Amino acid sequence: MVKVDQNKCIGCGLCAGLCPETFQINADNKSEVVNPQDTDCSKNAEQNCPVQAISHK
């Protein structure tokens, strides 16, 4: 399951740009998960998040 730590997220939008089917930017300008299934794309977003706010549990 994919999770975004809202306290770490800076809302850069990289994850939503890479994986729009998994992440979106919410009203607080933070990333949120819209599809929590682990995918290669979500793992790529985790590896590229500049503040390591994405995790897979």
N, C-alpha and C. Protein backbone atom coordinates (compact mmCIF):
# COMPACT_ATOMS: atom_id res chain seq x y z
N MET A 1 0.84 -1.18 0.00
CA MET A 1 0.00 0.00 0.00
C MET A 1 0.89 1.24 0.00
N VAL A 2 0.55 2.20 -0.83
CA VAL A 2 1.30 3.44 -0.97
C VAL A 2 0.75 4.47 0.02
N LYS A 3 1.66 5.20 0.67
CA LYS A 3 1.27 6.26 1.59
C LYS A 3 2.11 7.50 1.34
N VAL A 4 1.53 8.66 1.65
CA VAL A 4 2.25 9.93 1.59
C VAL A 4 2.23 10.55 2.98
N ASP A 5 3.41 10.87 3.50
CA ASP A 5 3.52 11.55 4.79
C ASP A 5 3.25 13.04 4.56
N GLN A 6 2.09 13.49 5.01
CA GLN A 6 1.67 14.87 4.78
C GLN A 6 2.60 15.87 5.48
N ASN A 7 3.27 15.46 6.54
CA ASN A 7 4.18 16.36 7.24
C ASN A 7 5.48 16.57 6.47
N LYS A 8 5.86 15.61 5.65
CA LYS A 8 7.08 15.73 4.85
C LYS A 8 6.82 16.33 3.47
N CYS A 9 5.64 16.08 2.93
CA CYS A 9 5.32 16.49 1.56
C CYS A 9 5.44 18.00 1.39
N ILE A 10 6.14 18.41 0.31
CA ILE A 10 6.27 19.84 0.00
C ILE A 10 5.40 20.24 -1.19
N GLY A 11 4.64 19.28 -1.72
CA GLY A 11 3.71 19.58 -2.81
C GLY A 11 4.37 19.92 -4.12
N CYS A 12 5.53 19.33 -4.39
CA CYS A 12 6.24 19.65 -5.63
C CYS A 12 5.52 19.10 -6.86
N GLY A 13 4.69 18.07 -6.68
CA GLY A 13 3.91 17.54 -7.79
C GLY A 13 4.61 16.49 -8.63
N LEU A 14 5.84 16.13 -8.27
CA LEU A 14 6.58 15.13 -9.05
C LEU A 14 5.82 13.81 -9.11
N CYS A 15 5.31 13.35 -7.99
CA CYS A 15 4.62 12.05 -7.96
C CYS A 15 3.34 12.09 -8.80
N ALA A 16 2.59 13.18 -8.69
CA ALA A 16 1.36 13.30 -9.47
C ALA A 16 1.67 13.41 -10.96
N GLY A 17 2.79 14.02 -11.29
CA GLY A 17 3.20 14.11 -12.69
C GLY A 17 3.63 12.77 -13.24
N LEU A 18 4.34 11.99 -12.41
CA LEU A 18 4.80 10.67 -12.84
C LEU A 18 3.66 9.65 -12.86
N CYS A 19 2.80 9.71 -11.86
CA CYS A 19 1.75 8.68 -11.67
C CYS A 19 0.40 9.32 -11.36
N PRO A 20 -0.22 9.96 -12.34
CA PRO A 20 -1.50 10.63 -12.06
C PRO A 20 -2.62 9.67 -11.68
N GLU A 21 -2.46 8.39 -12.00
CA GLU A 21 -3.48 7.41 -11.61
C GLU A 21 -3.33 7.01 -10.14
N THR A 22 -2.22 7.38 -9.51
CA THR A 22 -1.96 7.01 -8.12
C THR A 22 -1.99 8.20 -7.17
N PHE A 23 -1.48 9.36 -7.62
CA PHE A 23 -1.36 10.54 -6.76
C PHE A 23 -2.07 11.74 -7.37
N GLN A 24 -2.53 12.63 -6.48
CA GLN A 24 -3.04 13.91 -6.92
C GLN A 24 -2.67 14.95 -5.87
N ILE A 25 -2.66 16.20 -6.26
CA ILE A 25 -2.38 17.30 -5.34
C ILE A 25 -3.72 17.77 -4.78
N ASN A 26 -3.81 17.82 -3.44
CA ASN A 26 -5.08 18.16 -2.80
C ASN A 26 -5.20 19.67 -2.56
N ALA A 27 -6.26 20.09 -1.90
CA ALA A 27 -6.53 21.51 -1.67
C ALA A 27 -5.47 22.18 -0.81
N ASP A 28 -4.73 21.39 -0.03
CA ASP A 28 -3.65 21.93 0.80
C ASP A 28 -2.32 21.97 0.05
N ASN A 29 -2.37 21.71 -1.26
CA ASN A 29 -1.17 21.65 -2.10
C ASN A 29 -0.18 20.59 -1.64
N LYS A 30 -0.72 19.48 -1.16
CA LYS A 30 0.08 18.32 -0.77
C LYS A 30 -0.38 17.14 -1.61
N SER A 31 0.52 16.19 -1.80
CA SER A 31 0.16 15.00 -2.54
C SER A 31 -0.71 14.09 -1.68
N GLU A 32 -1.66 13.42 -2.31
CA GLU A 32 -2.44 12.40 -1.63
C GLU A 32 -2.61 11.22 -2.57
N VAL A 33 -2.80 10.07 -1.97
CA VAL A 33 -2.95 8.83 -2.73
C VAL A 33 -4.40 8.65 -3.11
N VAL A 34 -4.66 8.43 -4.40
CA VAL A 34 -6.01 8.16 -4.88
C VAL A 34 -6.20 6.70 -5.26
N ASN A 35 -5.08 5.99 -5.43
CA ASN A 35 -5.11 4.55 -5.71
C ASN A 35 -3.94 3.93 -4.96
N PRO A 36 -4.20 3.29 -3.81
CA PRO A 36 -3.12 2.82 -2.94
C PRO A 36 -2.41 1.54 -3.37
N GLN A 37 -2.74 1.02 -4.55
CA GLN A 37 -2.10 -0.21 -5.00
C GLN A 37 -0.63 0.04 -5.36
N ASP A 38 0.24 -0.87 -4.93
CA ASP A 38 1.65 -0.79 -5.30
C ASP A 38 1.80 -1.05 -6.79
N THR A 39 2.50 -0.18 -7.44
CA THR A 39 2.80 -0.35 -8.86
C THR A 39 4.25 0.03 -9.10
N ASP A 40 4.77 -0.32 -10.25
CA ASP A 40 6.12 0.11 -10.60
C ASP A 40 6.20 1.63 -10.62
N CYS A 41 5.14 2.25 -11.08
CA CYS A 41 5.11 3.71 -11.16
C CYS A 41 5.18 4.33 -9.75
N SER A 42 4.40 3.82 -8.81
CA SER A 42 4.41 4.39 -7.46
C SER A 42 5.75 4.16 -6.78
N LYS A 43 6.40 3.05 -7.07
CA LYS A 43 7.73 2.78 -6.51
C LYS A 43 8.76 3.73 -7.12
N ASN A 44 8.61 4.05 -8.40
CA ASN A 44 9.46 5.03 -9.05
C ASN A 44 9.27 6.41 -8.41
N ALA A 45 8.03 6.77 -8.14
CA ALA A 45 7.74 8.06 -7.49
C ALA A 45 8.36 8.10 -6.09
N GLU A 46 8.30 6.98 -5.37
CA GLU A 46 8.91 6.92 -4.03
C GLU A 46 10.41 7.19 -4.13
N GLN A 47 11.06 6.56 -5.10
CA GLN A 47 12.51 6.71 -5.26
C GLN A 47 12.89 8.13 -5.68
N ASN A 48 12.00 8.83 -6.36
CA ASN A 48 12.31 10.17 -6.87
C ASN A 48 11.78 11.32 -6.02
N CYS A 49 11.01 11.03 -4.99
CA CYS A 49 10.48 12.08 -4.13
C CYS A 49 11.64 12.81 -3.46
N PRO A 50 11.73 14.14 -3.62
CA PRO A 50 12.87 14.87 -3.09
C PRO A 50 12.92 14.93 -1.55
N VAL A 51 11.80 14.66 -0.89
CA VAL A 51 11.79 14.72 0.58
C VAL A 51 11.42 13.37 1.21
N GLN A 52 11.44 12.31 0.42
CA GLN A 52 11.13 10.95 0.88
C GLN A 52 9.80 10.89 1.65
N ALA A 53 8.76 11.53 1.09
CA ALA A 53 7.46 11.54 1.73
C ALA A 53 6.60 10.33 1.35
N ILE A 54 7.00 9.59 0.33
CA ILE A 54 6.23 8.43 -0.14
C ILE A 54 6.82 7.15 0.42
N SER A 55 5.92 6.27 0.87
CA SER A 55 6.39 4.97 1.36
C SER A 55 5.42 3.89 0.93
N HIS A 56 5.91 2.68 0.96
CA HIS A 56 5.09 1.50 0.66
C HIS A 56 5.09 0.63 1.91
N LYS A 57 3.93 0.31 2.40
CA LYS A 57 3.80 -0.51 3.62
C LYS A 57 3.17 -1.83 3.29
